[in-house]
Amino acid sequence: AIRGAVRRLAMARPDVAFTLAGEERAPVTWAAALPGAPGQLTRLGDILGADFRAAAIPVASEREGVRVKGYAATPSLTRANALGQYLFVNGRPVRDKLILGAVRAAYADYLPRDRHPVLALFVTLDPREVDANVHPAKTEVRFRDAGLVRALIVHALKEALAREGRRSAANVSGG
């Protein structure tokens, strides 16, 4: 549990160096990454693995003060469960049913129901538009405009997947 918590914190803050040391394993260190998207992808790849870094496509969309950014793996990189899905709201790691449902909806045309994409999504919005006190561990949130957040996530992911599909098709056809 501690290892998972530190991994999520390290994903949320790529600008901060982290070292995780315990009795059972050798220490793991993640150096502070460069600011911006390249640094974030470097950190995510360090934590989620080289296969994620190779399959990651950028996700970004914004509407009415809600911003979704991050990286999602192409449909070629999946897991048997949703544990490879890392979700953050205003920098806080969450396991939110609304966001998980939006991810499933966005990938519905790309994956069988028993496969789950690997991704790290960061939702940023005015703190007054989200309630983080829904769950004692603060891992679930409630959005004032849940429909907007869900639609934005689905749109951002579908757009990124379609863009990647067009890029792959162009590379295959030699264009």
Protein backbone atom coordinates (compact mmCIF):
# COMPACT_ATOMS: atom_id res chain seq x y z
CA ALA A 1 0.00 0.00 0.00
CA ILE A 2 2.84 2.38 0.82
CA ARG A 3 4.58 1.62 -2.46
CA GLY A 4 1.35 2.36 -4.35
CA ALA A 5 0.78 5.62 -2.48
CA VAL A 6 4.33 6.82 -3.19
CA ARG A 7 4.02 5.84 -6.86
CA ARG A 8 0.81 7.90 -7.18
CA LEU A 9 2.39 10.87 -5.43
CA ALA A 10 5.43 10.63 -7.71
CA MET A 11 3.14 10.63 -10.76
CA ALA A 12 1.29 13.69 -9.51
CA ARG A 13 4.50 15.62 -8.83
CA PRO A 14 7.14 14.86 -11.47
CA ASP A 15 8.99 18.02 -10.44
CA VAL A 16 9.83 16.44 -7.04
CA ALA A 17 12.40 13.68 -6.53
CA PHE A 18 11.22 10.63 -4.58
CA THR A 19 13.10 7.75 -2.97
CA LEU A 20 11.27 4.74 -1.62
CA ALA A 21 13.29 2.51 0.66
CA GLY A 22 12.15 -0.51 2.65
CA GLU A 23 13.52 -3.62 4.25
CA GLU A 24 12.41 -6.05 1.53
CA ARG A 25 13.52 -4.37 -1.69
CA ALA A 26 16.32 -2.18 -2.93
CA PRO A 27 15.53 1.55 -2.76
CA VAL A 28 13.78 3.06 -5.79
CA THR A 29 14.56 6.64 -6.75
CA TRP A 30 12.73 8.83 -9.21
CA ALA A 31 14.71 11.96 -10.03
CA ALA A 32 12.91 15.26 -10.45
CA ALA A 33 11.82 15.54 -14.06
CA LEU A 34 11.86 18.50 -16.39
CA PRO A 35 8.77 20.70 -16.23
CA GLY A 36 5.92 20.22 -18.66
CA ALA A 37 4.73 17.30 -20.73
CA PRO A 38 8.16 15.73 -21.53
CA GLY A 39 9.02 15.56 -17.84
CA GLN A 40 5.63 14.14 -16.98
CA LEU A 41 5.95 11.40 -19.62
CA THR A 42 9.46 10.60 -18.39
CA ARG A 43 8.18 10.19 -14.82
CA LEU A 44 5.17 8.13 -15.90
CA GLY A 45 7.42 5.89 -18.00
CA ASP A 46 9.81 5.45 -15.06
CA ILE A 47 6.91 4.29 -12.89
CA LEU A 48 4.65 2.47 -15.36
CA GLY A 49 7.40 0.99 -17.50
CA ALA A 50 9.00 1.33 -20.90
CA ASP A 51 6.02 -0.39 -22.55
CA PHE A 52 3.79 2.44 -21.33
CA ARG A 53 6.23 5.12 -22.48
CA ALA A 54 6.34 3.53 -25.95
CA ALA A 55 2.53 3.24 -26.22
CA ALA A 56 1.59 6.54 -24.54
CA ILE A 57 -0.33 9.14 -26.48
CA PRO A 58 -0.93 12.66 -25.14
CA VAL A 59 -4.43 13.53 -23.96
CA ALA A 60 -5.50 17.15 -23.55
CA SER A 61 -8.80 18.98 -23.62
CA GLU A 62 -10.40 21.89 -21.82
CA ARG A 63 -13.94 23.18 -21.52
CA GLU A 64 -15.67 25.61 -19.16
CA GLY A 65 -12.78 25.77 -16.72
CA VAL A 66 -12.23 22.00 -16.56
CA ARG A 67 -8.96 20.70 -18.00
CA VAL A 68 -7.99 17.08 -18.69
CA LYS A 69 -4.36 16.28 -19.47
CA GLY A 70 -2.22 13.22 -19.29
CA TYR A 71 -1.22 10.16 -21.24
CA ALA A 72 -3.16 7.09 -22.31
CA ALA A 73 -1.76 3.93 -23.84
CA THR A 74 -2.80 2.86 -27.29
CA PRO A 75 -5.24 -0.08 -27.31
CA SER A 76 -2.25 -2.40 -27.83
CA LEU A 77 -1.28 -2.01 -24.15
CA THR A 78 -3.98 -3.28 -21.80
CA ARG A 79 -4.39 -5.01 -18.46
CA ALA A 80 -6.85 -7.59 -17.15
CA ASN A 81 -8.02 -5.09 -14.50
CA ALA A 82 -8.26 -1.33 -14.03
CA LEU A 83 -5.31 -1.11 -11.64
CA GLY A 84 -3.19 0.41 -14.42
CA GLN A 85 -5.47 3.45 -14.52
CA TYR A 86 -4.14 6.37 -12.49
CA LEU A 87 -6.52 9.26 -11.99
CA PHE A 88 -5.84 12.61 -10.34
CA VAL A 89 -8.16 15.50 -9.53
CA ASN A 90 -6.42 18.78 -8.68
CA GLY A 91 -3.25 16.80 -7.97
CA ARG A 92 -4.98 14.33 -5.63
CA PRO A 93 -4.90 10.62 -6.55
CA VAL A 94 -8.47 9.28 -6.77
CA ARG A 95 -10.35 6.10 -7.71
CA ASP A 96 -13.50 7.71 -9.00
CA LYS A 97 -16.35 5.69 -10.55
CA LEU A 98 -17.38 8.56 -12.82
CA ILE A 99 -13.89 8.91 -14.31
CA LEU A 100 -13.40 5.14 -14.59
CA GLY A 101 -16.74 4.92 -16.40
CA ALA A 102 -15.70 7.70 -18.76
CA VAL A 103 -12.46 5.84 -19.55
CA ARG A 104 -14.39 2.63 -20.26
CA ALA A 105 -16.82 4.52 -22.54
CA ALA A 106 -13.98 6.17 -24.48
CA TYR A 107 -12.23 2.85 -25.12
CA ALA A 108 -15.44 0.86 -25.77
CA ASP A 109 -14.88 0.77 -29.54
CA TYR A 110 -11.24 -0.23 -29.14
CA LEU A 111 -11.11 -2.90 -26.41
CA PRO A 112 -13.00 -6.02 -25.39
CA ARG A 113 -14.93 -5.63 -22.14
CA ASP A 114 -12.43 -7.74 -20.19
CA ARG A 115 -9.43 -5.52 -21.05
CA HIS A 116 -8.53 -2.17 -19.51
CA PRO A 117 -6.26 0.57 -20.85
CA VAL A 118 -3.23 1.86 -18.98
CA LEU A 119 -3.34 5.61 -18.44
CA ALA A 120 -2.63 8.54 -16.18
CA LEU A 121 -5.17 11.37 -16.38
CA PHE A 122 -5.04 14.66 -14.53
CA VAL A 123 -8.28 16.61 -14.14
CA THR A 124 -7.91 20.22 -13.01
CA LEU A 125 -10.80 22.48 -12.08
CA ASP A 126 -11.83 25.12 -9.59
CA PRO A 127 -11.73 23.47 -6.13
CA ARG A 128 -15.23 24.81 -5.47
CA GLU A 129 -16.48 22.62 -8.34
CA VAL A 130 -15.44 19.35 -6.68
CA ASP A 131 -16.11 17.82 -3.26
CA ALA A 132 -13.22 15.69 -2.00
CA ASN A 133 -14.95 14.81 1.28
CA VAL A 134 -17.14 12.04 -0.17
CA HIS A 135 -15.01 9.15 1.09
CA PRO A 136 -13.04 8.91 4.38
CA ALA A 137 -9.81 8.16 2.48
CA LYS A 138 -10.60 11.05 0.10
CA THR A 139 -10.16 8.71 -2.87
CA GLU A 140 -13.60 9.47 -4.32
CA VAL A 141 -14.80 12.88 -5.37
CA ARG A 142 -18.10 14.42 -6.41
CA PHE A 143 -18.15 16.97 -9.20
CA ARG A 144 -20.69 19.79 -9.22
CA ASP A 145 -21.10 19.26 -12.98
CA ALA A 146 -20.41 15.53 -13.33
CA GLY A 147 -21.81 15.46 -16.88
CA LEU A 148 -19.33 18.07 -18.07
CA VAL A 149 -16.37 16.23 -16.51
CA ARG A 150 -17.46 12.86 -17.91
CA ALA A 151 -18.09 14.27 -21.40
CA LEU A 152 -14.75 16.08 -21.42
CA ILE A 153 -12.83 12.94 -20.44
CA VAL A 154 -14.61 10.80 -23.05
CA HIS A 155 -14.02 13.49 -25.70
CA ALA A 156 -10.34 13.95 -24.80
CA LEU A 157 -9.62 10.22 -24.89
CA LYS A 158 -11.60 9.53 -28.08
CA GLU A 159 -9.88 12.46 -29.81
CA ALA A 160 -6.42 11.23 -28.75
CA LEU A 161 -7.18 7.66 -29.85
CA ALA A 162 -8.56 8.82 -33.22
CA ARG A 163 -5.54 11.10 -33.77
CA GLU A 164 -3.22 8.18 -32.99
CA GLY A 165 -5.19 5.92 -35.34
CA ARG A 166 -4.84 8.44 -38.17
CA ARG A 167 -1.11 8.83 -37.46
CA SER A 168 -0.57 5.06 -37.44
CA ALA A 169 -2.54 4.64 -40.66
CA ALA A 170 -0.49 7.38 -42.33
CA ASN A 171 2.76 5.69 -41.23
CA VAL A 172 1.59 2.32 -42.56
CA SER A 173 0.55 3.76 -45.90
CA GLY A 174 3.81 5.63 -46.21
CA GLY A 175 2.27 9.06 -45.83
